[in-house]
PDB file of N, CA and C in Angstrom:
ATOM      1  N   MET A   1      69.772  65.618  63.733  1.00  0.00           N
ATOM      2  CA  MET A   1      69.708  66.566  64.319  1.00  0.00           C
ATOM      3  C   MET A   1      70.836  67.576  63.923  1.00  0.00           C
ATOM      4  N   LEU A   2      70.325  68.914  63.740  1.00  0.00           N
ATOM      5  CA  LEU A   2      71.350  69.956  63.659  1.00  0.00           C
ATOM      6  C   LEU A   2      70.858  71.298  64.762  1.00  0.00           C
ATOM      7  N   LEU A   3      71.803  71.696  65.234  1.00  0.00           N
ATOM      8  CA  LEU A   3      71.865  72.928  66.424  1.00  0.00           C
ATOM      9  C   LEU A   3      72.344  74.280  65.752  1.00  0.00           C
ATOM     10  N   THR A   4      71.275  74.955  66.212  1.00  0.00           N
ATOM     11  CA  THR A   4      71.632  76.473  65.886  1.00  0.00           C
ATOM     12  C   THR A   4      72.719  76.773  66.501  1.00  0.00           C
ATOM     13  N   ASP A   5      72.978  78.093  66.603  1.00  0.00           N
ATOM     14  CA  ASP A   5      74.332  78.469  67.071  1.00  0.00           C
ATOM     15  C   ASP A   5      73.890  78.890  68.326  1.00  0.00           C
ATOM     16  N   GLY A   6      72.837  79.126  69.067  1.00  0.00           N
ATOM     17  CA  GLY A   6      72.525  79.022  70.239  1.00  0.00           C
ATOM     18  C   GLY A   6      72.151  77.695  71.531  1.00  0.00           C
ATOM     19  N   ALA A   7      71.503  76.416  70.541  1.00  0.00           N
ATOM     20  CA  ALA A   7      71.676  75.211  70.981  1.00  0.00           C
ATOM     21  C   ALA A   7      73.280  74.772  71.117  1.00  0.00           C
ATOM     22  N   LYS A   8      73.928  75.234  70.271  1.00  0.00           N
ATOM     23  CA  LYS A   8      75.369  74.736  70.551  1.00  0.00           C
ATOM     24  C   LYS A   8      76.126  75.560  71.444  1.00  0.00           C
ATOM     25  N   PHE A   9      75.763  76.765  72.164  1.00  0.00           N
ATOM     26  CA  PHE A   9      76.056  77.712  73.296  1.00  0.00           C
ATOM     27  C   PHE A   9      75.707  77.008  74.127  1.00  0.00           C
ATOM     28  N   LEU A  10      74.530  76.611  74.482  1.00  0.00           N
ATOM     29  CA  LEU A  10      74.129  75.645  75.332  1.00  0.00           C
ATOM     30  C   LEU A  10      75.102  74.598  75.731  1.00  0.00           C
ATOM     31  N   CYS A  11      75.447  73.658  74.432  1.00  0.00           N
ATOM     32  CA  CYS A  11      76.032  72.662  74.604  1.00  0.00           C
ATOM     33  C   CYS A  11      77.601  72.935  75.257  1.00  0.00           C
ATOM     34  N   ASP A  12      78.327  73.938  74.699  1.00  0.00           N
ATOM     35  CA  ASP A  12      79.459  74.384  74.929  1.00  0.00           C
ATOM     36  C   ASP A  12      79.666  74.998  76.425  1.00  0.00           C
ATOM     37  N   ASN A  13      78.568  75.204  77.061  1.00  0.00           N
ATOM     38  CA  ASN A  13      78.638  75.600  78.434  1.00  0.00           C
ATOM     39  C   ASN A  13      77.878  75.053  79.583  1.00  0.00           C
ATOM     40  N   GLY A  14      77.997  73.532  79.435  1.00  0.00           N
ATOM     41  CA  GLY A  14      77.346  73.084  80.369  1.00  0.00           C
ATOM     42  C   GLY A  14      76.228  72.134  80.186  1.00  0.00           C
ATOM     43  N   MET A  15      75.567  72.505  79.270  1.00  0.00           N
ATOM     44  CA  MET A  15      74.052  72.192  79.018  1.00  0.00           C
ATOM     45  C   MET A  15      74.152  70.776  77.915  1.00  0.00           C
ATOM     46  N   GLY A  16      75.505  70.472  77.439  1.00  0.00           N
ATOM     47  CA  GLY A  16      75.033  69.295  76.523  1.00  0.00           C
ATOM     48  C   GLY A  16      73.757  68.094  77.022  1.00  0.00           C
ATOM     49  N   TRP A  17      73.991  67.789  78.006  1.00  0.00           N
ATOM     50  CA  TRP A  17      73.358  66.919  78.579  1.00  0.00           C
ATOM     51  C   TRP A  17      71.861  67.159  78.080  1.00  0.00           C
ATOM     52  N   PHE A  18      71.232  68.514  78.282  1.00  0.00           N
ATOM     53  CA  PHE A  18      70.180  68.499  77.922  1.00  0.00           C
ATOM     54  C   PHE A  18      69.651  68.256  76.483  1.00  0.00           C
ATOM     55  N   ILE A  19      70.675  68.748  75.674  1.00  0.00           N
ATOM     56  CA  ILE A  19      70.448  68.305  74.478  1.00  0.00           C
ATOM     57  C   ILE A  19      70.242  66.910  74.220  1.00  0.00           C
ATOM     58  N   ASP A  20      71.439  66.445  75.057  1.00  0.00           N
ATOM     59  CA  ASP A  20      71.280  64.712  74.737  1.00  0.00           C
ATOM     60  C   ASP A  20      69.842  64.127  74.874  1.00  0.00           C
ATOM     61  N   LEU A  21      69.054  64.531  76.193  1.00  0.00           N
ATOM     62  CA  LEU A  21      68.219  64.496  76.893  1.00  0.00           C
ATOM     63  C   LEU A  21      66.821  64.381  75.421  1.00  0.00           C
ATOM     64  N   VAL A  22      67.101  65.454  74.959  1.00  0.00           N
ATOM     65  CA  VAL A  22      65.912  65.978  74.032  1.00  0.00           C
ATOM     66  C   VAL A  22      66.233  64.921  72.762  1.00  0.00           C
ATOM     67  N   VAL A  23      67.393  64.689  72.112  1.00  0.00           N
ATOM     68  CA  VAL A  23      67.662  64.011  71.320  1.00  0.00           C
ATOM     69  C   VAL A  23      67.615  62.388  71.408  1.00  0.00           C
ATOM     70  N   SER A  24      67.508  61.961  72.589  1.00  0.00           N
ATOM     71  CA  SER A  24      67.048  60.749  73.118  1.00  0.00           C
ATOM     72  C   SER A  24      65.600  60.281  72.990  1.00  0.00           C
ATOM     73  N   TRP A  25      65.091  61.377  73.394  1.00  0.00           N
ATOM     74  CA  TRP A  25      63.319  60.885  73.238  1.00  0.00           C
ATOM     75  C   TRP A  25      63.102  60.922  71.872  1.00  0.00           C
ATOM     76  N   GLN A  26      64.016  61.549  70.784  1.00  0.00           N
ATOM     77  CA  GLN A  26      63.416  60.964  69.757  1.00  0.00           C
ATOM     78  C   GLN A  26      63.131  59.422  68.980  1.00  0.00           C
ATOM     79  N   THR A  27      63.783  58.751  69.778  1.00  0.00           N
ATOM     80  CA  THR A  27      63.545  57.503  69.406  1.00  0.00           C
ATOM     81  C   THR A  27      62.233  56.719  69.721  1.00  0.00           C
ATOM     82  N   LYS A  28      61.324  57.650  70.670  1.00  0.00           N
ATOM     83  CA  LYS A  28      59.873  57.373  70.826  1.00  0.00           C
ATOM     84  C   LYS A  28      59.272  57.771  69.657  1.00  0.00           C
ATOM     85  N   ALA A  29      58.551  57.249  69.139  1.00  0.00           N
ATOM     86  CA  ALA A  29      57.240  57.535  67.924  1.00  0.00           C
ATOM     87  C   ALA A  29      56.698  58.824  68.148  1.00  0.00           C
ATOM     88  N   GLU A  30      55.819  58.589  69.519  1.00  0.00           N
ATOM     89  CA  GLU A  30      54.806  59.967  69.785  1.00  0.00           C
ATOM     90  C   GLU A  30      55.534  61.064  69.390  1.00  0.00           C
ATOM     91  N   VAL A  31      56.867  61.393  69.874  1.00  0.00           N
ATOM     92  CA  VAL A  31      57.738  62.363  70.133  1.00  0.00           C
ATOM     93  C   VAL A  31      58.223  62.598  68.604  1.00  0.00           C
ATOM     94  N   ARG A  32      59.053  61.788  67.923  1.00  0.00           N
ATOM     95  CA  ARG A  32      59.817  61.937  66.817  1.00  0.00           C
ATOM     96  C   ARG A  32      58.624  62.246  66.176  1.00  0.00           C
ATOM     97  N   ALA A  33      57.465  61.935  65.781  1.00  0.00           N
ATOM     98  CA  ALA A  33      56.268  62.166  64.913  1.00  0.00           C
ATOM     99  C   ALA A  33      55.855  64.169  64.663  1.00  0.00           C
ATOM    100  N   GLU A  34      56.090  64.430  66.065  1.00  0.00           N
ATOM    101  CA  GLU A  34      55.700  65.738  66.237  1.00  0.00           C
ATOM    102  C   GLU A  34      56.753  66.661  65.529  1.00  0.00           C
ATOM    103  N   PRO A  35      56.219  67.491  64.265  1.00  0.00           N
ATOM    104  CA  PRO A  35      57.193  68.430  63.756  1.00  0.00           C
ATOM    105  C   PRO A  35      57.562  69.843  64.535  1.00  0.00           C
ATOM    106  N   MET A  36      57.022  69.680  65.714  1.00  0.00           N
ATOM    107  CA  MET A  36      57.285  70.937  66.623  1.00  0.00           C
ATOM    108  C   MET A  36      57.122  70.564  67.882  1.00  0.00           C
ATOM    109  N   GLN A  37      58.486  70.658  68.395  1.00  0.00           N
ATOM    110  CA  GLN A  37      58.432  70.355  69.654  1.00  0.00           C
ATOM    111  C   GLN A  37      58.881  71.312  70.705  1.00  0.00           C
ATOM    112  N   PHE A  38      58.167  71.586  71.790  1.00  0.00           N
ATOM    113  CA  PHE A  38      58.630  72.498  72.720  1.00  0.00           C
ATOM    114  C   PHE A  38      58.858  72.074  73.818  1.00  0.00           C
ATOM    115  N   TRP A  39      60.068  71.796  74.450  1.00  0.00           N
ATOM    116  CA  TRP A  39      60.810  71.561  75.476  1.00  0.00           C
ATOM    117  C   TRP A  39      61.303  72.579  76.566  1.00  0.00           C
ATOM    118  N   THR A  40      60.956  72.287  77.878  1.00  0.00           N
ATOM    119  CA  THR A  40      60.950  72.925  78.692  1.00  0.00           C
ATOM    120  C   THR A  40      61.962  72.422  79.907  1.00  0.00           C
ATOM    121  N   LEU A  41      62.818  72.593  80.921  1.00  0.00           N
ATOM    122  CA  LEU A  41      63.772  72.140  81.839  1.00  0.00           C
ATOM    123  C   LEU A  41      63.415  73.156  82.767  1.00  0.00           C
ATOM    124  N   THR A  42      62.511  72.526  83.950  1.00  0.00           N
ATOM    125  CA  THR A  42      62.365  73.534  85.349  1.00  0.00           C
ATOM    126  C   THR A  42      63.528  73.005  86.326  1.00  0.00           C
ATOM    127  N   THR A  43      64.332  73.895  86.834  1.00  0.00           N
ATOM    128  CA  THR A  43      65.169  73.647  87.757  1.00  0.00           C
ATOM    129  C   THR A  43      64.799  73.801  89.043  1.00  0.00           C
ATOM    130  N   ASP A  44      64.370  73.372  90.186  1.00  0.00           N
ATOM    131  CA  ASP A  44      64.887  73.420  91.511  1.00  0.00           C
ATOM    132  C   ASP A  44      66.103  73.855  91.760  1.00  0.00           C
ATOM    133  N   LEU A  45      66.242  75.208  92.428  1.00  0.00           N
ATOM    134  CA  LEU A  45      67.473  75.567  92.482  1.00  0.00           C
ATOM    135  C   LEU A  45      68.103  74.840  93.756  1.00  0.00           C
ATOM    136  N   GLU A  46      67.019  74.773  94.645  1.00  0.00           N
ATOM    137  CA  GLU A  46      67.493  74.515  96.083  1.00  0.00           C
ATOM    138  C   GLU A  46      68.060  73.096  96.156  1.00  0.00           C
ATOM    139  N   LYS A  47      67.216  72.559  95.516  1.00  0.00           N
ATOM    140  CA  LYS A  47      67.259  71.221  95.712  1.00  0.00           C
ATOM    141  C   LYS A  47      68.248  70.290  94.579  1.00  0.00           C
ATOM    142  N   HIS A  48      68.408  71.020  93.493  1.00  0.00           N
ATOM    143  CA  HIS A  48      69.341  70.518  92.562  1.00  0.00           C
ATOM    144  C   HIS A  48      68.588  69.529  91.615  1.00  0.00           C
ATOM    145  N   THR A  49      67.498  69.138  91.458  1.00  0.00           N
ATOM    146  CA  THR A  49      66.803  68.641  90.512  1.00  0.00           C
ATOM    147  C   THR A  49      66.195  69.452  89.787  1.00  0.00           C
ATOM    148  N   ALA A  50      65.408  68.653  88.625  1.00  0.00           N
ATOM    149  CA  ALA A  50      64.910  69.280  87.391  1.00  0.00           C
ATOM    150  C   ALA A  50      63.448  67.952  86.769  1.00  0.00           C
ATOM    151  N   ILE A  51      62.724  69.030  86.286  1.00  0.00           N
ATOM    152  CA  ILE A  51      62.090  68.160  85.200  1.00  0.00           C
ATOM    153  C   ILE A  51      61.951  68.483  83.720  1.00  0.00           C
ATOM    154  N   ALA A  52      62.007  67.986  82.994  1.00  0.00           N
ATOM    155  CA  ALA A  52      62.340  67.893  81.155  1.00  0.00           C
ATOM    156  C   ALA A  52      60.591  67.498  81.104  1.00  0.00           C
ATOM    157  N   VAL A  53      60.107  68.569  80.402  1.00  0.00           N
ATOM    158  CA  VAL A  53      58.856  68.546  79.535  1.00  0.00           C
ATOM    159  C   VAL A  53      58.957  68.451  78.382  1.00  0.00           C
ATOM    160  N   CYS A  54      58.186  67.772  77.290  1.00  0.00           N
ATOM    161  CA  CYS A  54      57.924  68.430  75.727  1.00  0.00           C
ATOM    162  C   CYS A  54      56.377  68.387  75.807  1.00  0.00           C
ATOM    163  N   THR A  55      56.390  69.141  74.759  1.00  0.00           N
ATOM    164  CA  THR A  55      54.790  69.586  74.485  1.00  0.00           C
ATOM    165  C   THR A  55      54.815  69.480  72.917  1.00  0.00           C
ATOM    166  N   ASP A  56      53.216  69.679  72.547  1.00  0.00           N
ATOM    167  CA  ASP A  56      53.242  70.042  71.219  1.00  0.00           C
ATOM    168  C   ASP A  56      52.534  71.497  71.057  1.00  0.00           C
ATOM    169  N   GLY A  57      52.854  72.005  72.349  1.00  0.00           N
ATOM    170  CA  GLY A  57      52.656  73.480  72.079  1.00  0.00           C
ATOM    171  C   GLY A  57      51.183  73.913  72.357  1.00  0.00           C
ATOM    172  N   GLY A  58      50.559  73.047  71.797  1.00  0.00           N
ATOM    173  CA  GLY A  58      48.570  73.488  72.086  1.00  0.00           C
ATOM    174  C   GLY A  58      48.617  73.853  70.088  1.00  0.00           C
ATOM    175  N   GLN A  59      49.195  73.281  69.103  1.00  0.00           N
ATOM    176  CA  GLN A  59      49.008  73.882  67.942  1.00  0.00           C
ATOM    177  C   GLN A  59      47.446  73.779  67.374  1.00  0.00           C
ATOM    178  N   GLU A  60      46.850  72.395  67.381  1.00  0.00           N
ATOM    179  CA  GLU A  60      46.219  71.978  67.249  1.00  0.00           C
ATOM    180  C   GLU A  60      44.732  72.731  67.785  1.00  0.00           C
ATOM    181  N   ASP A  61      44.844  72.558  69.192  1.00  0.00           N
ATOM    182  CA  ASP A  61      43.546  73.214  69.710  1.00  0.00           C
ATOM    183  C   ASP A  61      43.795  73.965  70.970  1.00  0.00           C
ATOM    184  N   ASN A  62      44.961  74.440  70.947  1.00  0.00           N
ATOM    185  CA  ASN A  62      45.343  75.526  71.920  1.00  0.00           C
ATOM    186  C   ASN A  62      45.591  74.987  73.529  1.00  0.00           C
ATOM    187  N   HIS A  63      45.388  73.258  73.363  1.00  0.00           N
ATOM    188  CA  HIS A  63      45.588  72.608  74.578  1.00  0.00           C
ATOM    189  C   HIS A  63      46.468  71.952  74.475  1.00  0.00           C
ATOM    190  N   ALA A  64      47.860  72.643  75.017  1.00  0.00           N
ATOM    191  CA  ALA A  64      49.055  71.940  74.699  1.00  0.00           C
ATOM    192  C   ALA A  64      49.270  70.225  75.565  1.00  0.00           C
ATOM    193  N   MET A  65      49.663  69.089  74.347  1.00  0.00           N
ATOM    194  CA  MET A  65      49.659  67.661  74.506  1.00  0.00           C
ATOM    195  C   MET A  65      50.929  67.461  75.154  1.00  0.00           C
ATOM    196  N   SER A  66      50.893  66.787  76.423  1.00  0.00           N
ATOM    197  CA  SER A  66      52.604  66.231  77.096  1.00  0.00           C
ATOM    198  C   SER A  66      52.712  65.076  76.095  1.00  0.00           C
ATOM    199  N   LEU A  67      54.147  65.213  75.405  1.00  0.00           N
ATOM    200  CA  LEU A  67      54.391  64.018  74.902  1.00  0.00           C
ATOM    201  C   LEU A  67      55.810  63.156  75.495  1.00  0.00           C
ATOM    202  N   ALA A  68      56.130  63.682  76.635  1.00  0.00           N
ATOM    203  CA  ALA A  68      57.536  63.255  77.358  1.00  0.00           C
ATOM    204  C   ALA A  68      57.528  64.208  78.554  1.00  0.00           C
ATOM    205  N   ARG A  69      58.154  63.629  79.402  1.00  0.00           N
ATOM    206  CA  ARG A  69      58.286  63.779  80.754  1.00  0.00           C
ATOM    207  C   ARG A  69      59.282  63.223  81.582  1.00  0.00           C
ATOM    208  N   GLN A  70      60.718  63.738  82.062  1.00  0.00           N
ATOM    209  CA  GLN A  70      61.569  63.198  82.489  1.00  0.00           C
ATOM    210  C   GLN A  70      62.634  63.782  83.842  1.00  0.00           C
ATOM    211  N   ARG A  71      61.987  63.053  85.015  1.00  0.00           N
ATOM    212  CA  ARG A  71      62.688  63.432  86.034  1.00  0.00           C
ATOM    213  C   ARG A  71      64.072  63.563  86.248  1.00  0.00           C
ATOM    214  N   ILE A  72      64.804  64.744  86.482  1.00  0.00           N
ATOM    215  CA  ILE A  72      66.439  64.517  86.678  1.00  0.00           C
ATOM    216  C   ILE A  72      66.575  64.790  88.114  1.00  0.00           C
ATOM    217  N   PRO A  73      67.560  63.919  88.736  1.00  0.00           N
ATOM    218  CA  PRO A  73      67.727  63.636  90.088  1.00  0.00           C
ATOM    219  C   PRO A  73      68.679  64.724  90.640  1.00  0.00           C
ATOM    220  N   TYR A  74      69.106  64.667  89.575  1.00  0.00           N
ATOM    221  CA  TYR A  74      70.694  66.188  90.454  1.00  0.00           C
ATOM    222  C   TYR A  74      71.251  67.007  89.085  1.00  0.00           C
ATOM    223  N   THR A  75      71.190  68.062  88.971  1.00  0.00           N
ATOM    224  CA  THR A  75      71.687  69.071  88.008  1.00  0.00           C
ATOM    225  C   THR A  75      72.615  70.117  88.896  1.00  0.00           C
ATOM    226  N   ASP A  76      73.351  70.480  88.334  1.00  0.00           N
ATOM    227  CA  ASP A  76      73.845  71.478  88.875  1.00  0.00           C
ATOM    228  C   ASP A  76      73.691  73.109  87.690  1.00  0.00           C
ATOM    229  N   CYS A  77      72.697  72.676  86.962  1.00  0.00           N
ATOM    230  CA  CYS A  77      72.410  73.826  86.097  1.00  0.00           C
ATOM    231  C   CYS A  77      71.842  75.051  87.246  1.00  0.00           C
ATOM    232  N   PRO A  78      72.649  76.374  86.593  1.00  0.00           N
ATOM    233  CA  PRO A  78      72.329  76.906  87.586  1.00  0.00           C
ATOM    234  C   PRO A  78      70.869  78.195  87.082  1.00  0.00           C
ATOM    235  N   LEU A  79      70.492  77.917  86.203  1.00  0.00           N
ATOM    236  CA  LEU A  79      69.126  78.392  85.352  1.00  0.00           C
ATOM    237  C   LEU A  79      67.644  77.879  85.853  1.00  0.00           C
ATOM    238  N   LYS A  80      66.781  78.556  86.189  1.00  0.00           N
ATOM    239  CA  LYS A  80      65.727  78.018  86.752  1.00  0.00           C
ATOM    240  C   LYS A  80      64.683  77.347  85.385  1.00  0.00           C
ATOM    241  N   THR A  81      64.870  78.268  84.656  1.00  0.00           N
ATOM    242  CA  THR A  81      64.095  77.440  83.266  1.00  0.00           C
ATOM    243  C   THR A  81      64.846  77.252  81.619  1.00  0.00           C
ATOM    244  N   VAL A  82      65.066  76.797  81.073  1.00  0.00           N
ATOM    245  CA  VAL A  82      65.711  76.629  79.832  1.00  0.00           C
ATOM    246  C   VAL A  82      64.636  76.093  78.855  1.00  0.00           C
ATOM    247  N   LYS A  83      64.345  76.505  77.721  1.00  0.00           N
ATOM    248  CA  LYS A  83      63.131  76.205  76.757  1.00  0.00           C
ATOM    249  C   LYS A  83      64.295  76.039  75.280  1.00  0.00           C
ATOM    250  N   LEU A  84      63.387  74.818  74.635  1.00  0.00           N
ATOM    251  CA  LEU A  84      63.978  74.547  73.628  1.00  0.00           C
ATOM    252  C   LEU A  84      62.834  74.490  72.477  1.00  0.00           C
ATOM    253  N   TYR A  85      63.104  74.551  70.968  1.00  0.00           N
ATOM    254  CA  TYR A  85      62.147  74.147  70.474  1.00  0.00           C
ATOM    255  C   TYR A  85      63.317  73.250  69.544  1.00  0.00           C
ATOM    256  N   VAL A  86      62.144  72.159  68.927  1.00  0.00           N
ATOM    257  CA  VAL A  86      62.588  71.319  67.901  1.00  0.00           C
ATOM    258  C   VAL A  86      61.733  71.401  66.365  1.00  0.00           C
ATOM    259  N   CYS A  87      62.223  71.664  65.646  1.00  0.00           N
ATOM    260  CA  CYS A  87      61.175  71.888  64.402  1.00  0.00           C
ATOM    261  C   CYS A  87      61.691  70.658  63.295  1.00  0.00           C
ATOM    262  N   GLN A  88      60.654  70.400  62.480  1.00  0.00           N
ATOM    263  CA  GLN A  88      60.972  69.632  61.413  1.00  0.00           C
ATOM    264  C   GLN A  88      61.330  70.651  60.409  1.00  0.00           C
ATOM    265  N   GLU A  89      62.491  70.327  59.409  1.00  0.00           N
ATOM    266  CA  GLU A  89      62.983  71.167  58.284  1.00  0.00           C
ATOM    267  C   GLU A  89      62.921  70.196  57.249  1.00  0.00           C
ATOM    268  N   GLY A  90      62.087  69.872  56.533  1.00  0.00           N
ATOM    269  CA  GLY A  90      62.423  68.883  55.398  1.00  0.00           C
ATOM    270  C   GLY A  90      62.736  67.875  56.343  1.00  0.00           C
ATOM    271  N   ASP A  91      63.705  66.771  55.564  1.00  0.00           N
ATOM    272  CA  ASP A  91      64.153  65.659  56.442  1.00  0.00           C
ATOM    273  C   ASP A  91      65.086  65.761  57.691  1.00  0.00           C
ATOM    274  N   ASN A  92      65.546  67.140  58.127  1.00  0.00           N
ATOM    275  CA  ASN A  92      65.856  67.378  59.544  1.00  0.00           C
ATOM    276  C   ASN A  92      65.447  67.866  60.277  1.00  0.00           C
ATOM    277  N   LYS A  93      65.647  67.664  61.833  1.00  0.00           N
ATOM    278  CA  LYS A  93      64.940  68.100  62.703  1.00  0.00           C
ATOM    279  C   LYS A  93      66.009  69.197  63.126  1.00  0.00           C
ATOM    280  N   ILE A  94      65.798  70.305  63.690  1.00  0.00           N
ATOM    281  CA  ILE A  94      66.531  71.571  64.167  1.00  0.00           C
ATOM    282  C   ILE A  94      66.146  71.946  65.723  1.00  0.00           C
ATOM    283  N   ILE A  95      67.429  71.784  66.595  1.00  0.00           N
ATOM    284  CA  ILE A  95      67.092  72.202  67.959  1.00  0.00           C
ATOM    285  C   ILE A  95      67.679  73.567  68.024  1.00  0.00           C
ATOM    286  N   LEU A  96      66.816  74.710  68.592  1.00  0.00           N
ATOM    287  CA  LEU A  96      66.749  76.117  68.575  1.00  0.00           C
ATOM    288  C   LEU A  96      66.452  76.697  69.962  1.00  0.00           C
ATOM    289  N   LEU A  97      67.018  77.556  70.077  1.00  0.00           N
ATOM    290  CA  LEU A  97      66.424  78.302  71.371  1.00  0.00           C
ATOM    291  C   LEU A  97      65.406  79.260  70.743  1.00  0.00           C
ATOM    292  N   PRO A  98      64.016  79.267  71.676  1.00  0.00           N
ATOM    293  CA  PRO A  98      63.124  80.246  71.056  1.00  0.00           C
ATOM    294  C   PRO A  98      63.132  81.430  70.927  1.00  0.00           C
ATOM    295  N   SER A  99      64.424  82.290  71.054  1.00  0.00           N
ATOM    296  CA  SER A  99      64.904  83.865  70.139  1.00  0.00           C
ATOM    297  C   SER A  99      64.955  82.951  68.630  1.00  0.00           C
ATOM    298  N   GLU A 100      65.542  82.004  68.413  1.00  0.00           N
ATOM    299  CA  GLU A 100      66.123  81.655  67.123  1.00  0.00           C
ATOM    300  C   GLU A 100      64.787  81.372  66.317  1.00  0.00           C
ATOM    301  N   TYR A 101      63.662  81.432  66.808  1.00  0.00           N
ATOM    302  CA  TYR A 101      62.560  80.631  65.693  1.00  0.00           C
ATOM    303  C   TYR A 101      62.216  82.118  64.976  1.00  0.00           C
TER     304      TYR A 101
END
């Protein structure tokens, strides 16, 4: 897995665990097989919990298929939403921010 500058910035500023979560899901065949993954972390700022969801973005039929979902029982993430993409580039997968696509 390669990280762009934006994804590295997240790692350096307390969100490395989210990158770890994304990488850990690559061990699942249905996630790993998807060449373009759309990851969203949605945080409940009052309860300090979150949900991470990966979809295929609805590229085939405009209906996003869920590939992974993980409940985060505690987080100190100060952001309501964090989005990442994982793109296949040759033999590599690249984790990037949507603004870097």
